[in-house]
């Protein structure tokens, strides 16, 4: 299991609770984005951001190029598929998981 996998924030699902929907290679999952928002980068500016996701939390923002390189490396190591399968199989936080094909 890897430490984190890149995903792109596609929707803010609950701004008050700092929850967003993140797309990781076609799998969408609600994650907590509290660690990547602050006064300089408020929640309403997060859609489109690439973040490093680990156990339901966006741990840091990363740029798109870094996300692509990391996803490629994780795929080569077999870690990306394992993480994506785990995300597909796992229970969502409060009924927010959304999986796309």
PDB file of N, CA and C in Angstrom:
ATOM      1  N   UNK A   1       0.855  -1.177   0.000  1.00  0.00           N
ATOM      2  CA  UNK A   1       0.000   0.000   0.000  1.00  0.00           C
ATOM      3  C   UNK A   1       0.891   1.228   0.000  1.00  0.00           C
ATOM      4  N   UNK A   2       0.519   2.177  -0.845  1.00  0.00           N
ATOM      5  CA  UNK A   2       1.351   3.375  -0.939  1.00  0.00           C
ATOM      6  C   UNK A   2       0.927   4.414   0.091  1.00  0.00           C
ATOM      7  N   UNK A   3       1.697   5.465   0.166  1.00  0.00           N
ATOM      8  CA  UNK A   3       1.411   6.515   1.139  1.00  0.00           C
ATOM      9  C   UNK A   3       0.331   7.454   0.670  1.00  0.00           C
ATOM     10  N   UNK A   4       0.129   7.585  -0.609  1.00  0.00           N
ATOM     11  CA  UNK A   4      -0.884   8.480  -1.135  1.00  0.00           C
ATOM     12  C   UNK A   4      -0.955   8.346  -2.635  1.00  0.00           C
ATOM     13  N   UNK A   5      -2.076   8.780  -3.187  1.00  0.00           N
ATOM     14  CA  UNK A   5      -2.262   8.686  -4.628  1.00  0.00           C
ATOM     15  C   UNK A   5      -2.840  10.017  -5.116  1.00  0.00           C
ATOM     16  N   UNK A   6      -2.370  10.504  -6.259  1.00  0.00           N
ATOM     17  CA  UNK A   6      -2.881  11.774  -6.768  1.00  0.00           C
ATOM     18  C   UNK A   6      -4.318  11.660  -7.263  1.00  0.00           C
ATOM     19  N   UNK A   7      -5.083  12.695  -7.003  1.00  0.00           N
ATOM     20  CA  UNK A   7      -6.445  12.805  -7.500  1.00  0.00           C
ATOM     21  C   UNK A   7      -6.770  14.268  -7.729  1.00  0.00           C
ATOM     22  N   UNK A   8      -7.803  14.494  -8.531  1.00  0.00           N
ATOM     23  CA  UNK A   8      -8.192  15.870  -8.835  1.00  0.00           C
ATOM     24  C   UNK A   8      -9.541  16.177  -8.187  1.00  0.00           C
ATOM     25  N   UNK A   9      -9.625  17.293  -7.504  1.00  0.00           N
ATOM     26  CA  UNK A   9     -10.874  17.725  -6.885  1.00  0.00           C
ATOM     27  C   UNK A   9     -11.829  18.141  -7.997  1.00  0.00           C
ATOM     28  N   UNK A  10     -13.001  17.498  -8.047  1.00  0.00           N
ATOM     29  CA  UNK A  10     -13.967  17.792  -9.106  1.00  0.00           C
ATOM     30  C   UNK A  10     -15.216  18.488  -8.572  1.00  0.00           C
ATOM     31  N   UNK A  11     -15.391  18.476  -7.248  1.00  0.00           N
ATOM     32  CA  UNK A  11     -16.603  19.073  -6.685  1.00  0.00           C
ATOM     33  C   UNK A  11     -16.407  19.290  -5.184  1.00  0.00           C
ATOM     34  N   UNK A  12     -16.943  20.381  -4.681  1.00  0.00           N
ATOM     35  CA  UNK A  12     -17.003  20.573  -3.233  1.00  0.00           C
ATOM     36  C   UNK A  12     -18.365  20.036  -2.807  1.00  0.00           C
ATOM     37  N   UNK A  13     -18.367  18.983  -2.015  1.00  0.00           N
ATOM     38  CA  UNK A  13     -19.637  18.342  -1.655  1.00  0.00           C
ATOM     39  C   UNK A  13     -20.220  18.889  -0.362  1.00  0.00           C
ATOM     40  N   UNK A  14     -19.398  19.391   0.551  1.00  0.00           N
ATOM     41  CA  UNK A  14     -19.885  19.958   1.809  1.00  0.00           C
ATOM     42  C   UNK A  14     -18.825  20.938   2.313  1.00  0.00           C
ATOM     43  N   UNK A  15     -19.002  22.191   1.965  1.00  0.00           N
ATOM     44  CA  UNK A  15     -17.994  23.205   2.306  1.00  0.00           C
ATOM     45  C   UNK A  15     -17.840  23.359   3.817  1.00  0.00           C
ATOM     46  N   UNK A  16     -18.933  23.291   4.547  1.00  0.00           N
ATOM     47  CA  UNK A  16     -18.857  23.465   5.998  1.00  0.00           C
ATOM     48  C   UNK A  16     -17.979  22.390   6.636  1.00  0.00           C
ATOM     49  N   UNK A  17     -18.114  21.144   6.161  1.00  0.00           N
ATOM     50  CA  UNK A  17     -17.332  20.025   6.707  1.00  0.00           C
ATOM     51  C   UNK A  17     -16.024  19.814   5.944  1.00  0.00           C
ATOM     52  N   UNK A  18     -15.758  20.682   4.970  1.00  0.00           N
ATOM     53  CA  UNK A  18     -14.538  20.620   4.154  1.00  0.00           C
ATOM     54  C   UNK A  18     -14.393  19.272   3.442  1.00  0.00           C
ATOM     55  N   UNK A  19     -15.487  18.855   2.795  1.00  0.00           N
ATOM     56  CA  UNK A  19     -15.494  17.611   2.032  1.00  0.00           C
ATOM     57  C   UNK A  19     -15.580  17.929   0.548  1.00  0.00           C
ATOM     58  N   UNK A  20     -14.825  17.160  -0.222  1.00  0.00           N
ATOM     59  CA  UNK A  20     -14.825  17.341  -1.674  1.00  0.00           C
ATOM     60  C   UNK A  20     -14.804  15.979  -2.349  1.00  0.00           C
ATOM     61  N   UNK A  21     -15.276  15.948  -3.588  1.00  0.00           N
ATOM     62  CA  UNK A  21     -15.201  14.742  -4.396  1.00  0.00           C
ATOM     63  C   UNK A  21     -13.913  14.813  -5.209  1.00  0.00           C
ATOM     64  N   UNK A  22     -13.113  13.756  -5.107  1.00  0.00           N
ATOM     65  CA  UNK A  22     -11.831  13.676  -5.806  1.00  0.00           C
ATOM     66  C   UNK A  22     -11.897  12.524  -6.803  1.00  0.00           C
ATOM     67  N   UNK A  23     -11.406  12.770  -7.996  1.00  0.00           N
ATOM     68  CA  UNK A  23     -11.343  11.750  -9.039  1.00  0.00           C
ATOM     69  C   UNK A  23      -9.930  11.194  -9.096  1.00  0.00           C
ATOM     70  N   UNK A  24      -9.826   9.884  -8.860  1.00  0.00           N
ATOM     71  CA  UNK A  24      -8.538   9.183  -8.950  1.00  0.00           C
ATOM     72  C   UNK A  24      -8.660   8.153 -10.066  1.00  0.00           C
ATOM     73  N   UNK A  25      -8.163   8.487 -11.223  1.00  0.00           N
ATOM     74  CA  UNK A  25      -8.206   7.587 -12.388  1.00  0.00           C
ATOM     75  C   UNK A  25      -9.598   7.024 -12.635  1.00  0.00           C
ATOM     76  N   UNK A  26     -10.609   7.872 -12.558  1.00  0.00           N
ATOM     77  CA  UNK A  26     -11.977   7.455 -12.851  1.00  0.00           C
ATOM     78  C   UNK A  26     -12.784   7.023 -11.648  1.00  0.00           C
ATOM     79  N   UNK A  27     -12.151   6.832 -10.513  1.00  0.00           N
ATOM     80  CA  UNK A  27     -12.861   6.487  -9.282  1.00  0.00           C
ATOM     81  C   UNK A  27     -13.062   7.770  -8.493  1.00  0.00           C
ATOM     82  N   UNK A  28     -14.321   8.054  -8.165  1.00  0.00           N
ATOM     83  CA  UNK A  28     -14.608   9.274  -7.409  1.00  0.00           C
ATOM     84  C   UNK A  28     -14.915   8.923  -5.969  1.00  0.00           C
ATOM     85  N   UNK A  29     -14.335   9.725  -5.093  1.00  0.00           N
ATOM     86  CA  UNK A  29     -14.441   9.446  -3.671  1.00  0.00           C
ATOM     87  C   UNK A  29     -14.493  10.757  -2.906  1.00  0.00           C
ATOM     88  N   UNK A  30     -15.326  10.811  -1.890  1.00  0.00           N
ATOM     89  CA  UNK A  30     -15.374  11.987  -1.041  1.00  0.00           C
ATOM     90  C   UNK A  30     -14.222  11.928  -0.051  1.00  0.00           C
ATOM     91  N   UNK A  31     -13.473  13.026   0.014  1.00  0.00           N
ATOM     92  CA  UNK A  31     -12.346  13.105   0.938  1.00  0.00           C
ATOM     93  C   UNK A  31     -12.412  14.422   1.705  1.00  0.00           C
ATOM     94  N   UNK A  32     -11.742  14.448   2.816  1.00  0.00           N
ATOM     95  CA  UNK A  32     -11.638  15.654   3.617  1.00  0.00           C
ATOM     96  C   UNK A  32     -10.482  16.489   3.065  1.00  0.00           C
ATOM     97  N   UNK A  33     -10.735  17.768   2.791  1.00  0.00           N
ATOM     98  CA  UNK A  33      -9.690  18.619   2.217  1.00  0.00           C
ATOM     99  C   UNK A  33      -9.213  19.705   3.186  1.00  0.00           C
ATOM    100  N   UNK A  34      -9.479  19.512   4.465  1.00  0.00           N
ATOM    101  CA  UNK A  34      -9.100  20.519   5.473  1.00  0.00           C
ATOM    102  C   UNK A  34      -7.601  20.837   5.444  1.00  0.00           C
ATOM    103  N   UNK A  35      -6.764  19.864   5.097  1.00  0.00           N
ATOM    104  CA  UNK A  35      -5.312  20.079   5.110  1.00  0.00           C
ATOM    105  C   UNK A  35      -4.832  20.918   3.926  1.00  0.00           C
ATOM    106  N   UNK A  36      -5.654  21.109   2.906  1.00  0.00           N
ATOM    107  CA  UNK A  36      -5.189  21.829   1.719  1.00  0.00           C
ATOM    108  C   UNK A  36      -5.879  23.176   1.523  1.00  0.00           C
ATOM    109  N   UNK A  37      -6.699  23.578   2.475  1.00  0.00           N
ATOM    110  CA  UNK A  37      -7.325  24.905   2.376  1.00  0.00           C
ATOM    111  C   UNK A  37      -6.777  25.802   3.481  1.00  0.00           C
ATOM    112  N   UNK A  38      -6.695  27.062   3.153  1.00  0.00           N
ATOM    113  CA  UNK A  38      -6.293  28.063   4.130  1.00  0.00           C
ATOM    114  C   UNK A  38      -6.776  29.418   3.632  1.00  0.00           C
ATOM    115  N   UNK A  39      -6.385  30.475   4.284  1.00  0.00           N
ATOM    116  CA  UNK A  39      -6.847  31.807   3.896  1.00  0.00           C
ATOM    117  C   UNK A  39      -6.368  32.193   2.496  1.00  0.00           C
ATOM    118  N   UNK A  40      -5.174  31.758   2.114  1.00  0.00           N
ATOM    119  CA  UNK A  40      -4.649  32.074   0.795  1.00  0.00           C
ATOM    120  C   UNK A  40      -5.264  31.209  -0.305  1.00  0.00           C
ATOM    121  N   UNK A  41      -5.783  30.047   0.055  1.00  0.00           N
ATOM    122  CA  UNK A  41      -6.400  29.132  -0.917  1.00  0.00           C
ATOM    123  C   UNK A  41      -7.693  28.594  -0.303  1.00  0.00           C
ATOM    124  N   UNK A  42      -8.763  29.415  -0.340  1.00  0.00           N
ATOM    125  CA  UNK A  42     -10.030  29.005   0.285  1.00  0.00           C
ATOM    126  C   UNK A  42     -10.701  27.854  -0.457  1.00  0.00           C
ATOM    127  N   UNK A  43     -11.652  27.235   0.223  1.00  0.00           N
ATOM    128  CA  UNK A  43     -12.302  26.035  -0.303  1.00  0.00           C
ATOM    129  C   UNK A  43     -12.961  26.271  -1.655  1.00  0.00           C
ATOM    130  N   UNK A  44     -13.492  27.444  -1.885  1.00  0.00           N
ATOM    131  CA  UNK A  44     -14.190  27.689  -3.149  1.00  0.00           C
ATOM    132  C   UNK A  44     -13.239  27.771  -4.347  1.00  0.00           C
ATOM    133  N   UNK A  45     -11.931  27.764  -4.118  1.00  0.00           N
ATOM    134  CA  UNK A  45     -10.954  27.775  -5.215  1.00  0.00           C
ATOM    135  C   UNK A  45     -10.287  26.424  -5.409  1.00  0.00           C
ATOM    136  N   UNK A  46     -10.777  25.378  -4.761  1.00  0.00           N
ATOM    137  CA  UNK A  46     -10.107  24.077  -4.806  1.00  0.00           C
ATOM    138  C   UNK A  46     -10.509  23.195  -5.988  1.00  0.00           C
ATOM    139  N   UNK A  47     -11.682  23.434  -6.585  1.00  0.00           N
ATOM    140  CA  UNK A  47     -12.092  22.582  -7.705  1.00  0.00           C
ATOM    141  C   UNK A  47     -11.053  22.712  -8.827  1.00  0.00           C
ATOM    142  N   UNK A  48     -10.591  21.561  -9.307  1.00  0.00           N
ATOM    143  CA  UNK A  48      -9.546  21.522 -10.331  1.00  0.00           C
ATOM    144  C   UNK A  48      -8.159  21.287  -9.761  1.00  0.00           C
ATOM    145  N   UNK A  49      -7.993  21.472  -8.454  1.00  0.00           N
ATOM    146  CA  UNK A  49      -6.694  21.223  -7.823  1.00  0.00           C
ATOM    147  C   UNK A  49      -6.358  19.736  -7.857  1.00  0.00           C
ATOM    148  N   UNK A  50      -5.088  19.446  -7.991  1.00  0.00           N
ATOM    149  CA  UNK A  50      -4.587  18.082  -7.828  1.00  0.00           C
ATOM    150  C   UNK A  50      -4.088  17.959  -6.400  1.00  0.00           C
ATOM    151  N   UNK A  51      -4.437  16.851  -5.754  1.00  0.00           N
ATOM    152  CA  UNK A  51      -4.054  16.638  -4.358  1.00  0.00           C
ATOM    153  C   UNK A  51      -3.526  15.221  -4.182  1.00  0.00           C
ATOM    154  N   UNK A  52      -2.775  15.021  -3.134  1.00  0.00           N
ATOM    155  CA  UNK A  52      -2.286  13.696  -2.777  1.00  0.00           C
ATOM    156  C   UNK A  52      -3.216  13.155  -1.706  1.00  0.00           C
ATOM    157  N   UNK A  53      -3.911  12.043  -2.003  1.00  0.00           N
ATOM    158  CA  UNK A  53      -4.947  11.490  -1.126  1.00  0.00           C
ATOM    159  C   UNK A  53      -4.422  10.269  -0.378  1.00  0.00           C
ATOM    160  N   UNK A  54      -4.701  10.253   0.909  1.00  0.00           N
ATOM    161  CA  UNK A  54      -4.347   9.095   1.735  1.00  0.00           C
ATOM    162  C   UNK A  54      -5.423   8.909   2.794  1.00  0.00           C
ATOM    163  N   UNK A  55      -5.967   7.736   2.875  1.00  0.00           N
ATOM    164  CA  UNK A  55      -6.993   7.317   3.831  1.00  0.00           C
ATOM    165  C   UNK A  55      -8.093   8.373   4.057  1.00  0.00           C
ATOM    166  N   UNK A  56      -8.624   8.868   2.957  1.00  0.00           N
ATOM    167  CA  UNK A  56      -9.762   9.771   3.055  1.00  0.00           C
ATOM    168  C   UNK A  56      -9.439  11.232   3.270  1.00  0.00           C
ATOM    169  N   UNK A  57      -8.157  11.567   3.250  1.00  0.00           N
ATOM    170  CA  UNK A  57      -7.739  12.958   3.434  1.00  0.00           C
ATOM    171  C   UNK A  57      -6.862  13.397   2.265  1.00  0.00           C
ATOM    172  N   UNK A  58      -7.075  14.614   1.793  1.00  0.00           N
ATOM    173  CA  UNK A  58      -6.158  15.237   0.850  1.00  0.00           C
ATOM    174  C   UNK A  58      -5.036  15.825   1.697  1.00  0.00           C
ATOM    175  N   UNK A  59      -3.837  15.269   1.558  1.00  0.00           N
ATOM    176  CA  UNK A  59      -2.724  15.648   2.440  1.00  0.00           C
ATOM    177  C   UNK A  59      -1.988  16.905   1.959  1.00  0.00           C
ATOM    178  N   UNK A  60      -1.914  17.101   0.633  1.00  0.00           N
ATOM    179  CA  UNK A  60      -1.228  18.273   0.101  1.00  0.00           C
ATOM    180  C   UNK A  60      -1.671  18.507  -1.331  1.00  0.00           C
ATOM    181  N   UNK A  61      -1.523  19.751  -1.791  1.00  0.00           N
ATOM    182  CA  UNK A  61      -1.769  20.058  -3.194  1.00  0.00           C
ATOM    183  C   UNK A  61      -0.489  19.769  -3.965  1.00  0.00           C
ATOM    184  N   UNK A  62      -0.657  19.259  -5.185  1.00  0.00           N
ATOM    185  CA  UNK A  62       0.479  19.020  -6.066  1.00  0.00           C
ATOM    186  C   UNK A  62       0.107  19.565  -7.436  1.00  0.00           C
ATOM    187  N   UNK A  63       1.114  19.849  -8.264  1.00  0.00           N
ATOM    188  CA  UNK A  63       0.764  20.352  -9.592  1.00  0.00           C
ATOM    189  C   UNK A  63       0.425  19.173 -10.510  1.00  0.00           C
ATOM    190  N   UNK A  64      -0.224  19.507 -11.632  1.00  0.00           N
ATOM    191  CA  UNK A  64      -0.719  18.478 -12.541  1.00  0.00           C
ATOM    192  C   UNK A  64       0.405  17.597 -13.077  1.00  0.00           C
ATOM    193  N   UNK A  65       1.545  18.204 -13.385  1.00  0.00           N
ATOM    194  CA  UNK A  65       2.685  17.441 -13.912  1.00  0.00           C
ATOM    195  C   UNK A  65       3.194  16.449 -12.861  1.00  0.00           C
ATOM    196  N   UNK A  66       3.320  16.912 -11.629  1.00  0.00           N
ATOM    197  CA  UNK A  66       3.767  16.031 -10.553  1.00  0.00           C
ATOM    198  C   UNK A  66       2.762  14.898 -10.350  1.00  0.00           C
ATOM    199  N   UNK A  67       1.465  15.200 -10.462  1.00  0.00           N
ATOM    200  CA  UNK A  67       0.429  14.175 -10.321  1.00  0.00           C
ATOM    201  C   UNK A  67       0.572  13.117 -11.408  1.00  0.00           C
ATOM    202  N   UNK A  68       0.778  13.560 -12.652  1.00  0.00           N
ATOM    203  CA  UNK A  68       0.909  12.612 -13.765  1.00  0.00           C
ATOM    204  C   UNK A  68       2.132  11.719 -13.581  1.00  0.00           C
ATOM    205  N   UNK A  69       3.251  12.315 -13.188  1.00  0.00           N
ATOM    206  CA  UNK A  69       4.479  11.535 -12.980  1.00  0.00           C
ATOM    207  C   UNK A  69       4.288  10.534 -11.843  1.00  0.00           C
ATOM    208  N   UNK A  70       3.660  10.983 -10.766  1.00  0.00           N
ATOM    209  CA  UNK A  70       3.444  10.094  -9.611  1.00  0.00           C
ATOM    210  C   UNK A  70       2.507   8.949  -9.977  1.00  0.00           C
ATOM    211  N   UNK A  71       1.418   9.261 -10.701  1.00  0.00           N
ATOM    212  CA  UNK A  71       0.491   8.198 -11.116  1.00  0.00           C
ATOM    213  C   UNK A  71       1.190   7.189 -12.029  1.00  0.00           C
ATOM    214  N   UNK A  72       2.023   7.679 -12.943  1.00  0.00           N
ATOM    215  CA  UNK A  72       2.756   6.784 -13.840  1.00  0.00           C
ATOM    216  C   UNK A  72       3.684   5.875 -13.044  1.00  0.00           C
ATOM    217  N   UNK A  73       4.421   6.454 -12.106  1.00  0.00           N
ATOM    218  CA  UNK A  73       5.346   5.670 -11.288  1.00  0.00           C
ATOM    219  C   UNK A  73       4.591   4.639 -10.442  1.00  0.00           C
ATOM    220  N   UNK A  74       3.489   5.059  -9.810  1.00  0.00           N
ATOM    221  CA  UNK A  74       2.705   4.124  -8.993  1.00  0.00           C
ATOM    222  C   UNK A  74       2.118   3.006  -9.850  1.00  0.00           C
ATOM    223  N   UNK A  75       1.729   3.344 -11.090  1.00  0.00           N
ATOM    224  CA  UNK A  75       1.198   2.326 -11.998  1.00  0.00           C
ATOM    225  C   UNK A  75       2.289   1.317 -12.341  1.00  0.00           C
ATOM    226  N   UNK A  76       3.493   1.809 -12.632  1.00  0.00           N
ATOM    227  CA  UNK A  76       4.605   0.914 -12.950  1.00  0.00           C
ATOM    228  C   UNK A  76       4.931  -0.006 -11.776  1.00  0.00           C
ATOM    229  N   UNK A  77       4.793   0.504 -10.576  1.00  0.00           N
ATOM    230  CA  UNK A  77       5.080  -0.298  -9.383  1.00  0.00           C
ATOM    231  C   UNK A  77       3.908  -1.184  -8.977  1.00  0.00           C
ATOM    232  N   UNK A  78       2.770  -1.002  -9.634  1.00  0.00           N
ATOM    233  CA  UNK A  78       1.584  -1.782  -9.287  1.00  0.00           C
ATOM    234  C   UNK A  78       0.827  -1.224  -8.101  1.00  0.00           C
ATOM    235  N   UNK A  79       1.268  -0.097  -7.590  1.00  0.00           N
ATOM    236  CA  UNK A  79       0.628   0.493  -6.413  1.00  0.00           C
ATOM    237  C   UNK A  79      -0.663   1.230  -6.761  1.00  0.00           C
ATOM    238  N   UNK A  80      -0.716   1.871  -7.931  1.00  0.00           N
ATOM    239  CA  UNK A  80      -1.901   2.646  -8.292  1.00  0.00           C
ATOM    240  C   UNK A  80      -3.112   1.734  -8.402  1.00  0.00           C
ATOM    241  N   UNK A  81      -2.946   0.610  -9.084  1.00  0.00           N
ATOM    242  CA  UNK A  81      -4.067  -0.305  -9.255  1.00  0.00           C
ATOM    243  C   UNK A  81      -4.567  -0.812  -7.906  1.00  0.00           C
ATOM    244  N   UNK A  82      -3.637  -1.088  -7.016  1.00  0.00           N
ATOM    245  CA  UNK A  82      -3.999  -1.576  -5.686  1.00  0.00           C
ATOM    246  C   UNK A  82      -4.792  -0.512  -4.920  1.00  0.00           C
ATOM    247  N   UNK A  83      -4.329   0.728  -4.980  1.00  0.00           N
ATOM    248  CA  UNK A  83      -5.030   1.813  -4.278  1.00  0.00           C
ATOM    249  C   UNK A  83      -6.406   2.067  -4.874  1.00  0.00           C
ATOM    250  N   UNK A  84      -6.491   2.069  -6.207  1.00  0.00           N
ATOM    251  CA  UNK A  84      -7.770   2.321  -6.871  1.00  0.00           C
ATOM    252  C   UNK A  84      -8.737   1.190  -6.552  1.00  0.00           C
ATOM    253  N   UNK A  85      -8.269  -0.054  -6.559  1.00  0.00           N
ATOM    254  CA  UNK A  85      -9.131  -1.187  -6.205  1.00  0.00           C
ATOM    255  C   UNK A  85      -9.593  -1.072  -4.762  1.00  0.00           C
ATOM    256  N   UNK A  86      -8.707  -0.642  -3.882  1.00  0.00           N
ATOM    257  CA  UNK A  86      -9.077  -0.474  -2.473  1.00  0.00           C
ATOM    258  C   UNK A  86     -10.129   0.625  -2.333  1.00  0.00           C
ATOM    259  N   UNK A  87      -9.975   1.695  -3.101  1.00  0.00           N
ATOM    260  CA  UNK A  87     -10.959   2.781  -3.052  1.00  0.00           C
ATOM    261  C   UNK A  87     -12.308   2.299  -3.559  1.00  0.00           C
ATOM    262  N   UNK A  88     -12.298   1.489  -4.624  1.00  0.00           N
ATOM    263  CA  UNK A  88     -13.553   0.983  -5.170  1.00  0.00           C
ATOM    264  C   UNK A  88     -14.232   0.033  -4.192  1.00  0.00           C
ATOM    265  N   UNK A  89     -13.456  -0.738  -3.465  1.00  0.00           N
ATOM    266  CA  UNK A  89     -14.007  -1.746  -2.568  1.00  0.00           C
ATOM    267  C   UNK A  89     -14.386  -1.205  -1.199  1.00  0.00           C
ATOM    268  N   UNK A  90     -13.833  -0.072  -0.834  1.00  0.00           N
ATOM    269  CA  UNK A  90     -14.037   0.417   0.523  1.00  0.00           C
ATOM    270  C   UNK A  90     -15.393   1.077   0.704  1.00  0.00           C
ATOM    271  N   UNK A  91     -15.794   1.121   1.944  1.00  0.00           N
ATOM    272  CA  UNK A  91     -16.997   1.846   2.309  1.00  0.00           C
ATOM    273  C   UNK A  91     -16.663   3.323   2.292  1.00  0.00           C
ATOM    274  N   UNK A  92     -17.611   4.120   1.874  1.00  0.00           N
ATOM    275  CA  UNK A  92     -17.404   5.564   1.853  1.00  0.00           C
ATOM    276  C   UNK A  92     -17.650   6.127   3.230  1.00  0.00           C
ATOM    277  N   UNK A  93     -17.143   7.309   3.424  1.00  0.00           N
ATOM    278  CA  UNK A  93     -17.497   8.084   4.601  1.00  0.00           C
ATOM    279  C   UNK A  93     -18.967   8.369   4.469  1.00  0.00           C
ATOM    280  N   UNK A  94     -19.662   9.011   5.139  1.00  0.00           N
ATOM    281  CA  UNK A  94     -21.113   9.136   5.271  1.00  0.00           C
ATOM    282  C   UNK A  94     -21.920   8.986   3.972  1.00  0.00           C
ATOM    283  N   UNK A  95     -21.789   7.839   3.294  1.00  0.00           N
ATOM    284  CA  UNK A  95     -22.596   7.593   2.111  1.00  0.00           C
ATOM    285  C   UNK A  95     -22.283   8.490   0.939  1.00  0.00           C
ATOM    286  N   UNK A  96     -21.071   8.976   0.873  1.00  0.00           N
ATOM    287  CA  UNK A  96     -20.706   9.947  -0.152  1.00  0.00           C
ATOM    288  C   UNK A  96     -19.929   9.343  -1.312  1.00  0.00           C
ATOM    289  N   UNK A  97     -19.542   8.056  -1.227  1.00  0.00           N
ATOM    290  CA  UNK A  97     -18.722   7.496  -2.287  1.00  0.00           C
ATOM    291  C   UNK A  97     -19.498   7.419  -3.588  1.00  0.00           C
ATOM    292  N   UNK A  98     -18.806   7.719  -4.650  1.00  0.00           N
ATOM    293  CA  UNK A  98     -19.384   7.666  -5.972  1.00  0.00           C
ATOM    294  C   UNK A  98     -18.332   7.041  -6.862  1.00  0.00           C
ATOM    295  N   UNK A  99     -18.645   5.944  -7.516  1.00  0.00           N
ATOM    296  CA  UNK A  99     -17.691   5.242  -8.352  1.00  0.00           C
ATOM    297  C   UNK A  99     -18.141   5.345  -9.797  1.00  0.00           C
ATOM    298  N   UNK A 100     -17.223   5.694 -10.666  1.00  0.00           N
ATOM    299  CA  UNK A 100     -17.526   5.718 -12.088  1.00  0.00           C
ATOM    300  C   UNK A 100     -16.670   4.692 -12.779  1.00  0.00           C
ATOM    301  N   UNK A 101     -17.103   4.236 -13.913  1.00  0.00           N
ATOM    302  CA  UNK A 101     -16.373   3.197 -14.639  1.00  0.00           C
ATOM    303  C   UNK A 101     -15.175   3.722 -15.329  1.00  0.00           C
TER     304      UNK A 101
END
